[in-house]
Structures are given as structure tokens and as C-alpha cells.
Amino acid sequence: MYRIMRIVAGTARGRKLTVPSNSKIRPTKDRVREAIFNSLHSYGLVEDLCYLDLFAGTGSLGLEALSRGANSVVFVDNNELSVNTITHNLQMLGFDSKAEVRHQDAVMYLKEARDFDVAILDPPYEFDLWDQLISQIKSKVVVIETSQKIALNEYWKIIKEQNYGQSNVLIAKK
């Protein structure tokens, strides 16, 4: 059984994504994705930029970035079902040449990661390694979706914070 999600805007607007419904993958709702990318767009933080989609899950956030004009996205998730789903959706949308999919632990990946313009962090609800994660991020901007409030270190300036039901979205820059 599959849930259906869609790309909200851009070149793939309205295209459907395949998302397994019997998994622990928690996709970002369409309205939250739309709000995130409308905010990023208003700051000039979408087109021609390199993105990192960490804890990618369905890949919907990185796919939305590609649809809206991001130059490239690296998707990282340690769940094989997530990696297969992301790969399938990239091929279906024709974005596979602009993406890299890594089947790897997110914190381990950051130890070798290059710099990105924007990093999207959407870890599982029970995630508790925020300090370690935030200290290793190599990007100019970070987008965090979580169910809990988190504190960023002094290197980050929060430019937007909004609550959408159970999701708290924070956008910060260095």
C-alpha cells in the first residue's frame, strides 16, 4: 500500500511521489513543504544552490528543492526503504542526474561531507544528538523540522521559526 504525495511547485508541480505507507517514514506535509520553500525563496535560497537533505526519508524536501530550481541535492538516509523510494522518485521525475543518494548514517556522513548552500534536517522524532549534528553542519543555511524546540549555538542566527501543528520549522544562517 502506498500514500500519495505531490510536488507543490516548480517544474514538477503537481507530479505525484510514491511513498510507502507501511513504514516508519514520516513525510513532510505538503503545506509545511510549501511554507518552507516559500520562505527560502523569499530569501533567495532556492535556485542554483546545492542542497543536503539529511534524514531524507521520502526525499520530498530535496525533490521539492530540485523542482524549484536547486542545482543539486545529496539525499542521506540510513533506511534502505527510504533510499529505494528516493531513487525511484528521482528517476520518475527525471532529476536523477542532479542528485546523489547515500545509504548512510547522517551523523557519520557529516564527518566527510562537503560544504552545501542549504542543509535540510528532518530527523526522527526521537532524535537526541542535536549538539553533535549542528556542530558538524557545513552549510550557510540550515532548515530544521522537528517536533521539539532546539537550541542552536552562537554561530547560527535564526531568520524564521514557525509551528505547524506537531512540526516546528526553524530556518537559520551562519
N, C-alpha and C. Protein backbone atom coordinates (compact mmCIF):
# COMPACT_ATOMS: atom_id res chain seq x y z
N MET A 1 0.84 -1.18 0.00
CA MET A 1 0.00 0.00 0.00
C MET A 1 0.89 1.25 0.00
N TYR A 2 0.49 2.27 -0.74
CA TYR A 2 1.27 3.49 -0.85
C TYR A 2 0.42 4.71 -0.57
N ARG A 3 1.05 5.72 0.04
CA ARG A 3 0.43 7.03 0.20
C ARG A 3 0.87 7.85 -0.99
N ILE A 4 0.08 8.82 -1.35
CA ILE A 4 0.45 9.68 -2.46
C ILE A 4 0.72 11.08 -1.94
N MET A 5 1.86 11.61 -2.34
CA MET A 5 2.22 13.00 -2.05
C MET A 5 2.47 13.64 -3.40
N ARG A 6 2.56 14.96 -3.41
CA ARG A 6 2.81 15.65 -4.67
C ARG A 6 3.88 16.71 -4.49
N ILE A 7 4.49 17.08 -5.59
CA ILE A 7 5.41 18.22 -5.62
C ILE A 7 4.53 19.47 -5.65
N VAL A 8 4.84 20.44 -4.81
CA VAL A 8 3.98 21.62 -4.65
C VAL A 8 4.19 22.66 -5.74
N ALA A 9 5.44 22.90 -6.15
CA ALA A 9 5.69 23.98 -7.12
C ALA A 9 6.91 23.65 -7.97
N GLY A 10 7.12 24.46 -9.00
CA GLY A 10 8.29 24.32 -9.85
C GLY A 10 8.02 23.48 -11.09
N THR A 11 9.09 22.98 -11.68
CA THR A 11 8.98 22.26 -12.95
C THR A 11 8.21 20.95 -12.82
N ALA A 12 8.18 20.36 -11.65
CA ALA A 12 7.47 19.10 -11.43
C ALA A 12 6.17 19.32 -10.65
N ARG A 13 5.69 20.54 -10.62
CA ARG A 13 4.48 20.88 -9.85
C ARG A 13 3.33 19.92 -10.17
N GLY A 14 2.71 19.41 -9.10
CA GLY A 14 1.58 18.51 -9.24
C GLY A 14 1.93 17.06 -9.48
N ARG A 15 3.20 16.78 -9.77
CA ARG A 15 3.61 15.39 -10.00
C ARG A 15 3.54 14.62 -8.69
N LYS A 16 3.09 13.39 -8.78
CA LYS A 16 2.92 12.57 -7.58
C LYS A 16 4.19 11.81 -7.24
N LEU A 17 4.41 11.66 -5.94
CA LEU A 17 5.54 10.90 -5.41
C LEU A 17 5.01 9.62 -4.79
N THR A 18 5.75 8.55 -4.95
CA THR A 18 5.39 7.29 -4.32
C THR A 18 6.01 7.25 -2.94
N VAL A 19 5.18 6.97 -1.94
CA VAL A 19 5.65 6.91 -0.55
C VAL A 19 5.06 5.67 0.11
N PRO A 20 5.89 4.75 0.59
CA PRO A 20 5.36 3.56 1.26
C PRO A 20 4.54 3.95 2.50
N SER A 21 3.36 3.38 2.64
CA SER A 21 2.51 3.73 3.78
C SER A 21 2.72 2.82 4.97
N ASN A 22 3.36 1.69 4.77
CA ASN A 22 3.53 0.74 5.87
C ASN A 22 4.90 0.86 6.53
N SER A 23 5.50 2.02 6.43
CA SER A 23 6.83 2.20 7.00
C SER A 23 6.80 3.25 8.11
N LYS A 24 7.95 3.44 8.75
CA LYS A 24 8.07 4.45 9.79
C LYS A 24 8.48 5.80 9.21
N ILE A 25 8.52 5.88 7.88
CA ILE A 25 8.87 7.13 7.22
C ILE A 25 7.76 8.14 7.49
N ARG A 26 8.16 9.33 7.93
CA ARG A 26 7.21 10.39 8.27
C ARG A 26 7.39 11.54 7.28
N PRO A 27 6.62 11.54 6.19
CA PRO A 27 6.82 12.58 5.18
C PRO A 27 6.35 13.95 5.66
N THR A 28 7.04 14.99 5.18
CA THR A 28 6.65 16.36 5.48
C THR A 28 5.39 16.68 4.70
N LYS A 29 4.40 17.20 5.38
CA LYS A 29 3.12 17.52 4.73
C LYS A 29 3.31 18.59 3.66
N ASP A 30 2.45 18.52 2.64
CA ASP A 30 2.52 19.47 1.52
C ASP A 30 2.52 20.92 1.99
N ARG A 31 1.64 21.26 2.91
CA ARG A 31 1.53 22.67 3.32
C ARG A 31 2.78 23.14 4.08
N VAL A 32 3.43 22.23 4.80
CA VAL A 32 4.66 22.58 5.51
C VAL A 32 5.79 22.76 4.50
N ARG A 33 5.88 21.84 3.52
CA ARG A 33 6.90 21.98 2.47
C ARG A 33 6.71 23.29 1.70
N GLU A 34 5.47 23.59 1.38
CA GLU A 34 5.19 24.83 0.66
C GLU A 34 5.64 26.05 1.47
N ALA A 35 5.34 26.06 2.76
CA ALA A 35 5.73 27.18 3.62
C ALA A 35 7.26 27.29 3.72
N ILE A 36 7.93 26.16 3.87
CA ILE A 36 9.40 26.17 3.95
C ILE A 36 10.00 26.78 2.69
N PHE A 37 9.56 26.30 1.54
CA PHE A 37 10.17 26.76 0.29
C PHE A 37 9.73 28.16 -0.10
N ASN A 38 8.54 28.57 0.30
CA ASN A 38 8.16 29.97 0.08
C ASN A 38 9.08 30.89 0.89
N SER A 39 9.39 30.49 2.12
CA SER A 39 10.31 31.27 2.95
C SER A 39 11.70 31.29 2.34
N LEU A 40 12.21 30.12 1.96
CA LEU A 40 13.54 30.06 1.35
C LEU A 40 13.60 30.89 0.08
N HIS A 41 12.56 30.81 -0.73
CA HIS A 41 12.52 31.59 -1.98
C HIS A 41 12.55 33.09 -1.68
N SER A 42 11.84 33.52 -0.64
CA SER A 42 11.81 34.95 -0.31
C SER A 42 13.19 35.46 0.12
N TYR A 43 14.05 34.57 0.58
CA TYR A 43 15.43 34.93 0.95
C TYR A 43 16.42 34.64 -0.18
N GLY A 44 15.92 34.23 -1.34
CA GLY A 44 16.79 33.90 -2.47
C GLY A 44 17.60 32.65 -2.26
N LEU A 45 17.02 31.68 -1.56
CA LEU A 45 17.77 30.49 -1.15
C LEU A 45 17.28 29.19 -1.80
N VAL A 46 16.92 29.26 -3.08
CA VAL A 46 16.50 28.03 -3.75
C VAL A 46 17.25 27.82 -5.06
N GLU A 47 17.06 28.69 -6.01
CA GLU A 47 17.57 28.48 -7.36
C GLU A 47 19.10 28.46 -7.41
N ASP A 48 19.61 27.49 -8.18
CA ASP A 48 21.03 27.34 -8.47
C ASP A 48 21.89 27.06 -7.23
N LEU A 49 21.30 26.54 -6.17
CA LEU A 49 22.06 26.24 -4.96
C LEU A 49 22.20 24.74 -4.77
N CYS A 50 23.18 24.35 -3.95
CA CYS A 50 23.42 22.94 -3.64
C CYS A 50 22.82 22.63 -2.27
N TYR A 51 21.99 21.61 -2.22
CA TYR A 51 21.25 21.23 -1.02
C TYR A 51 21.74 19.90 -0.46
N LEU A 52 21.59 19.77 0.84
CA LEU A 52 21.77 18.50 1.54
C LEU A 52 20.44 18.17 2.21
N ASP A 53 19.87 17.00 1.90
CA ASP A 53 18.63 16.54 2.54
C ASP A 53 19.04 15.40 3.47
N LEU A 54 19.26 15.75 4.74
CA LEU A 54 19.76 14.81 5.74
C LEU A 54 18.58 14.18 6.46
N PHE A 55 18.63 12.88 6.74
CA PHE A 55 17.48 12.12 7.24
C PHE A 55 16.37 12.26 6.20
N ALA A 56 16.68 11.98 4.96
CA ALA A 56 15.83 12.33 3.82
C ALA A 56 14.46 11.66 3.82
N GLY A 57 14.33 10.49 4.42
CA GLY A 57 13.02 9.85 4.48
C GLY A 57 12.45 9.60 3.09
N THR A 58 11.39 10.30 2.73
CA THR A 58 10.78 10.16 1.41
C THR A 58 11.55 10.94 0.35
N GLY A 59 12.38 11.89 0.79
CA GLY A 59 13.08 12.75 -0.15
C GLY A 59 12.25 13.92 -0.62
N SER A 60 11.07 14.09 -0.06
CA SER A 60 10.15 15.12 -0.57
C SER A 60 10.71 16.53 -0.47
N LEU A 61 11.50 16.82 0.56
CA LEU A 61 12.06 18.17 0.69
C LEU A 61 13.13 18.42 -0.37
N GLY A 62 14.02 17.48 -0.57
CA GLY A 62 15.04 17.63 -1.61
C GLY A 62 14.45 17.62 -3.01
N LEU A 63 13.43 16.80 -3.23
CA LEU A 63 12.75 16.77 -4.53
C LEU A 63 12.06 18.10 -4.81
N GLU A 64 11.47 18.68 -3.79
CA GLU A 64 10.84 20.00 -3.93
C GLU A 64 11.89 21.04 -4.30
N ALA A 65 13.06 20.97 -3.67
CA ALA A 65 14.15 21.90 -3.99
C ALA A 65 14.56 21.77 -5.45
N LEU A 66 14.70 20.54 -5.94
CA LEU A 66 15.07 20.33 -7.34
C LEU A 66 13.99 20.87 -8.28
N SER A 67 12.75 20.63 -7.95
CA SER A 67 11.65 21.13 -8.78
C SER A 67 11.65 22.65 -8.87
N ARG A 68 12.07 23.28 -7.79
CA ARG A 68 12.06 24.75 -7.73
C ARG A 68 13.37 25.37 -8.22
N GLY A 69 14.29 24.57 -8.73
CA GLY A 69 15.47 25.13 -9.37
C GLY A 69 16.79 24.94 -8.66
N ALA A 70 16.83 24.14 -7.60
CA ALA A 70 18.12 23.86 -6.96
C ALA A 70 19.05 23.19 -7.96
N ASN A 71 20.32 23.49 -7.86
CA ASN A 71 21.32 22.93 -8.77
C ASN A 71 21.53 21.44 -8.54
N SER A 72 21.59 21.04 -7.26
CA SER A 72 21.81 19.64 -6.92
C SER A 72 21.37 19.37 -5.49
N VAL A 73 21.12 18.08 -5.21
CA VAL A 73 20.75 17.66 -3.86
C VAL A 73 21.46 16.34 -3.55
N VAL A 74 22.04 16.26 -2.35
CA VAL A 74 22.53 15.00 -1.83
C VAL A 74 21.52 14.55 -0.78
N PHE A 75 20.95 13.36 -0.98
CA PHE A 75 19.98 12.77 -0.06
C PHE A 75 20.72 11.75 0.80
N VAL A 76 20.55 11.82 2.12
CA VAL A 76 21.21 10.88 3.03
C VAL A 76 20.17 10.28 3.96
N ASP A 77 20.12 8.95 4.00
CA ASP A 77 19.24 8.26 4.93
C ASP A 77 19.82 6.88 5.20
N ASN A 78 19.64 6.38 6.41
CA ASN A 78 20.18 5.06 6.75
C ASN A 78 19.16 3.94 6.58
N ASN A 79 17.96 4.26 6.10
CA ASN A 79 16.90 3.28 5.90
C ASN A 79 16.87 2.85 4.44
N GLU A 80 17.01 1.56 4.19
CA GLU A 80 17.07 1.07 2.81
C GLU A 80 15.78 1.37 2.04
N LEU A 81 14.63 1.25 2.69
CA LEU A 81 13.37 1.56 2.03
C LEU A 81 13.32 3.03 1.61
N SER A 82 13.82 3.91 2.46
CA SER A 82 13.88 5.34 2.10
C SER A 82 14.78 5.56 0.89
N VAL A 83 15.95 4.96 0.90
CA VAL A 83 16.90 5.12 -0.20
C VAL A 83 16.27 4.63 -1.51
N ASN A 84 15.60 3.48 -1.48
CA ASN A 84 14.96 2.95 -2.68
C ASN A 84 13.81 3.85 -3.15
N THR A 85 13.04 4.38 -2.21
CA THR A 85 11.93 5.27 -2.55
C THR A 85 12.45 6.56 -3.19
N ILE A 86 13.48 7.15 -2.60
CA ILE A 86 14.07 8.38 -3.15
C ILE A 86 14.59 8.12 -4.56
N THR A 87 15.33 7.04 -4.73
CA THR A 87 15.88 6.71 -6.04
C THR A 87 14.78 6.55 -7.08
N HIS A 88 13.71 5.85 -6.72
CA HIS A 88 12.56 5.67 -7.62
C HIS A 88 11.95 7.01 -8.00
N ASN A 89 11.70 7.87 -7.02
CA ASN A 89 11.07 9.17 -7.30
C ASN A 89 11.98 10.08 -8.12
N LEU A 90 13.28 10.05 -7.87
CA LEU A 90 14.22 10.84 -8.68
C LEU A 90 14.16 10.41 -10.15
N GLN A 91 14.15 9.11 -10.39
CA GLN A 91 14.08 8.62 -11.76
C GLN A 91 12.74 8.97 -12.40
N MET A 92 11.66 8.82 -11.65
CA MET A 92 10.33 9.10 -12.17
C MET A 92 10.20 10.58 -12.57
N LEU A 93 10.81 11.48 -11.79
CA LEU A 93 10.72 12.92 -12.06
C LEU A 93 11.81 13.40 -13.01
N GLY A 94 12.78 12.55 -13.32
CA GLY A 94 13.87 12.93 -14.22
C GLY A 94 14.92 13.81 -13.57
N PHE A 95 15.05 13.72 -12.24
CA PHE A 95 16.02 14.52 -11.50
C PHE A 95 17.27 13.73 -11.11
N ASP A 96 17.37 12.48 -11.53
CA ASP A 96 18.47 11.63 -11.05
C ASP A 96 19.85 12.16 -11.42
N SER A 97 19.98 12.93 -12.50
CA SER A 97 21.29 13.47 -12.87
C SER A 97 21.72 14.64 -11.98
N LYS A 98 20.79 15.18 -11.20
CA LYS A 98 21.09 16.31 -10.32
C LYS A 98 21.19 15.88 -8.86
N ALA A 99 21.22 14.57 -8.62
CA ALA A 99 21.14 14.10 -7.24
C ALA A 99 22.12 12.97 -6.97
N GLU A 100 22.45 12.85 -5.71
CA GLU A 100 23.22 11.72 -5.20
C GLU A 100 22.45 11.19 -4.00
N VAL A 101 22.28 9.87 -3.93
CA VAL A 101 21.56 9.25 -2.81
C VAL A 101 22.56 8.40 -2.04
N ARG A 102 22.67 8.68 -0.74
CA ARG A 102 23.62 7.97 0.12
C ARG A 102 22.86 7.15 1.16
N HIS A 103 23.15 5.85 1.22
CA HIS A 103 22.59 4.96 2.24
C HIS A 103 23.59 4.95 3.40
N GLN A 104 23.41 5.88 4.33
CA GLN A 104 24.42 6.09 5.37
C GLN A 104 23.81 6.79 6.57
N ASP A 105 24.39 6.58 7.72
CA ASP A 105 24.00 7.30 8.93
C ASP A 105 24.31 8.78 8.74
N ALA A 106 23.38 9.63 9.11
CA ALA A 106 23.51 11.07 8.89
C ALA A 106 24.71 11.68 9.61
N VAL A 107 24.88 11.35 10.87
CA VAL A 107 25.98 11.92 11.65
C VAL A 107 27.33 11.46 11.09
N MET A 108 27.42 10.21 10.68
CA MET A 108 28.65 9.69 10.07
C MET A 108 28.92 10.39 8.74
N TYR A 109 27.88 10.61 7.96
CA TYR A 109 28.04 11.28 6.66
C TYR A 109 28.65 12.67 6.84
N LEU A 110 28.21 13.39 7.85
CA LEU A 110 28.69 14.76 8.05
C LEU A 110 30.19 14.84 8.29
N LYS A 111 30.78 13.77 8.79
CA LYS A 111 32.23 13.77 9.04
C LYS A 111 33.03 13.89 7.75
N GLU A 112 32.44 13.47 6.63
CA GLU A 112 33.13 13.52 5.34
C GLU A 112 32.47 14.48 4.35
N ALA A 113 31.40 15.11 4.75
CA ALA A 113 30.60 15.92 3.82
C ALA A 113 31.32 17.18 3.37
N ARG A 114 30.99 17.59 2.17
CA ARG A 114 31.48 18.86 1.63
C ARG A 114 30.57 19.98 2.11
N ASP A 115 30.85 21.18 1.70
CA ASP A 115 30.00 22.32 2.04
C ASP A 115 28.77 22.35 1.14
N PHE A 116 27.66 22.80 1.71
CA PHE A 116 26.41 22.97 0.97
C PHE A 116 25.90 24.38 1.19
N ASP A 117 25.06 24.84 0.27
CA ASP A 117 24.43 26.14 0.47
C ASP A 117 23.33 26.04 1.53
N VAL A 118 22.51 24.98 1.42
CA VAL A 118 21.39 24.78 2.34
C VAL A 118 21.37 23.33 2.79
N ALA A 119 21.25 23.11 4.10
CA ALA A 119 21.10 21.76 4.66
C ALA A 119 19.71 21.65 5.28
N ILE A 120 18.99 20.61 4.90
CA ILE A 120 17.67 20.34 5.46
C ILE A 120 17.80 19.18 6.43
N LEU A 121 17.38 19.39 7.66
CA LEU A 121 17.46 18.36 8.70
C LEU A 121 16.06 18.02 9.17
N ASP A 122 15.64 16.79 8.94
CA ASP A 122 14.32 16.34 9.37
C ASP A 122 14.47 14.96 10.02
N PRO A 123 15.12 14.93 11.19
CA PRO A 123 15.39 13.64 11.84
C PRO A 123 14.13 13.02 12.45
N PRO A 124 14.23 11.75 12.81
CA PRO A 124 13.11 11.11 13.50
C PRO A 124 12.77 11.87 14.79
N TYR A 125 11.53 11.76 15.21
CA TYR A 125 11.07 12.48 16.40
C TYR A 125 11.93 12.21 17.63
N GLU A 126 12.43 10.99 17.76
CA GLU A 126 13.18 10.63 18.97
C GLU A 126 14.65 11.02 18.91
N PHE A 127 15.06 11.78 17.93
CA PHE A 127 16.45 12.16 17.74
C PHE A 127 16.95 13.01 18.91
N ASP A 128 18.17 12.70 19.42
CA ASP A 128 18.68 13.45 20.57
C ASP A 128 20.16 13.84 20.44
N LEU A 129 20.68 13.86 19.22
CA LEU A 129 22.08 14.22 19.01
C LEU A 129 22.22 15.59 18.35
N TRP A 130 21.36 16.53 18.73
CA TRP A 130 21.33 17.84 18.08
C TRP A 130 22.66 18.59 18.18
N ASP A 131 23.26 18.62 19.36
CA ASP A 131 24.52 19.36 19.52
C ASP A 131 25.59 18.82 18.58
N GLN A 132 25.73 17.51 18.53
CA GLN A 132 26.71 16.88 17.66
C GLN A 132 26.39 17.18 16.19
N LEU A 133 25.14 17.10 15.83
CA LEU A 133 24.72 17.33 14.45
C LEU A 133 24.96 18.77 14.02
N ILE A 134 24.48 19.71 14.80
CA ILE A 134 24.59 21.13 14.46
C ILE A 134 26.05 21.56 14.37
N SER A 135 26.90 21.03 15.23
CA SER A 135 28.31 21.44 15.21
C SER A 135 29.04 20.94 13.96
N GLN A 136 28.50 19.93 13.29
CA GLN A 136 29.17 19.36 12.11
C GLN A 136 28.60 19.85 10.78
N ILE A 137 27.52 20.57 10.79
CA ILE A 137 26.89 21.03 9.55
C ILE A 137 27.79 22.02 8.82
N LYS A 138 28.03 21.75 7.55
CA LYS A 138 28.85 22.64 6.71
C LYS A 138 27.94 23.25 5.65
N SER A 139 27.15 24.22 6.07
CA SER A 139 26.28 24.92 5.12
C SER A 139 26.08 26.34 5.60
N LYS A 140 25.66 27.19 4.68
CA LYS A 140 25.40 28.59 5.01
C LYS A 140 24.06 28.75 5.70
N VAL A 141 23.11 27.87 5.33
CA VAL A 141 21.75 27.94 5.85
C VAL A 141 21.33 26.54 6.28
N VAL A 142 20.57 26.48 7.35
CA VAL A 142 20.03 25.20 7.81
C VAL A 142 18.52 25.35 7.99
N VAL A 143 17.79 24.32 7.54
CA VAL A 143 16.35 24.23 7.74
C VAL A 143 16.13 23.01 8.61
N ILE A 144 15.48 23.20 9.75
CA ILE A 144 15.26 22.10 10.70
C ILE A 144 13.78 21.91 10.90
N GLU A 145 13.31 20.67 10.69
CA GLU A 145 11.93 20.32 11.00
C GLU A 145 11.97 19.29 12.12
N THR A 146 11.33 19.61 13.23
CA THR A 146 11.35 18.72 14.38
C THR A 146 10.10 18.93 15.23
N SER A 147 9.83 17.98 16.09
CA SER A 147 8.68 18.11 16.99
C SER A 147 9.07 18.80 18.29
N GLN A 148 10.36 19.04 18.48
CA GLN A 148 10.83 19.64 19.73
C GLN A 148 11.52 20.96 19.48
N LYS A 149 11.61 21.77 20.49
CA LYS A 149 12.38 23.02 20.40
C LYS A 149 13.84 22.66 20.59
N ILE A 150 14.70 23.25 19.77
CA ILE A 150 16.12 23.01 19.94
C ILE A 150 16.85 24.34 20.02
N ALA A 151 18.00 24.30 20.65
CA ALA A 151 18.83 25.50 20.77
C ALA A 151 20.00 25.37 19.80
N LEU A 152 20.24 26.44 19.06
CA LEU A 152 21.38 26.46 18.15
C LEU A 152 22.53 27.18 18.82
N ASN A 153 23.75 26.83 18.42
CA ASN A 153 24.90 27.50 19.01
C ASN A 153 25.03 28.92 18.47
N GLU A 154 25.99 29.65 18.98
CA GLU A 154 26.13 31.08 18.68
C GLU A 154 26.51 31.37 17.23
N TYR A 155 26.88 30.35 16.46
CA TYR A 155 27.26 30.56 15.06
C TYR A 155 26.05 30.70 14.13
N TRP A 156 24.88 30.37 14.62
CA TRP A 156 23.67 30.39 13.80
C TRP A 156 22.74 31.52 14.23
N LYS A 157 22.18 32.21 13.26
CA LYS A 157 21.19 33.26 13.51
C LYS A 157 19.85 32.78 12.95
N ILE A 158 18.84 32.68 13.81
CA ILE A 158 17.52 32.24 13.37
C ILE A 158 16.88 33.35 12.54
N ILE A 159 16.47 33.01 11.32
CA ILE A 159 15.81 34.01 10.48
C ILE A 159 14.31 33.76 10.37
N LYS A 160 13.87 32.54 10.72
CA LYS A 160 12.43 32.26 10.75
C LYS A 160 12.20 31.03 11.61
N GLU A 161 11.13 31.10 12.39
CA GLU A 161 10.71 29.94 13.19
C GLU A 161 9.19 29.92 13.19
N GLN A 162 8.62 28.77 12.85
CA GLN A 162 7.17 28.67 12.73
C GLN A 162 6.73 27.28 13.18
N ASN A 163 5.56 27.21 13.80
CA ASN A 163 5.00 25.95 14.23
C ASN A 163 3.84 25.58 13.31
N TYR A 164 3.82 24.32 12.85
CA TYR A 164 2.75 23.79 12.01
C TYR A 164 2.23 22.52 12.68
N GLY A 165 1.31 22.67 13.60
CA GLY A 165 0.81 21.51 14.33
C GLY A 165 1.91 20.88 15.15
N GLN A 166 2.27 19.64 14.84
CA GLN A 166 3.33 18.93 15.57
C GLN A 166 4.72 19.24 15.04
N SER A 167 4.80 19.95 13.94
CA SER A 167 6.11 20.26 13.33
C SER A 167 6.55 21.67 13.65
N ASN A 168 7.76 21.78 14.17
CA ASN A 168 8.39 23.09 14.38
C ASN A 168 9.45 23.24 13.29
N VAL A 169 9.35 24.32 12.52
CA VAL A 169 10.31 24.56 11.44
C VAL A 169 11.14 25.78 11.79
N LEU A 170 12.45 25.62 11.68
CA LEU A 170 13.39 26.68 12.01
C LEU A 170 14.33 26.86 10.82
N ILE A 171 14.52 28.09 10.39
CA ILE A 171 15.49 28.41 9.33
C ILE A 171 16.52 29.33 9.95
N ALA A 172 17.79 28.96 9.81
CA ALA A 172 18.88 29.76 10.40
C ALA A 172 20.03 29.85 9.41
N LYS A 173 20.82 30.92 9.57
CA LYS A 173 22.00 31.08 8.70
C LYS A 173 23.21 31.40 9.56
N LYS A 174 24.39 31.15 8.99
CA LYS A 174 25.64 31.46 9.69
C LYS A 174 25.96 32.91 9.50
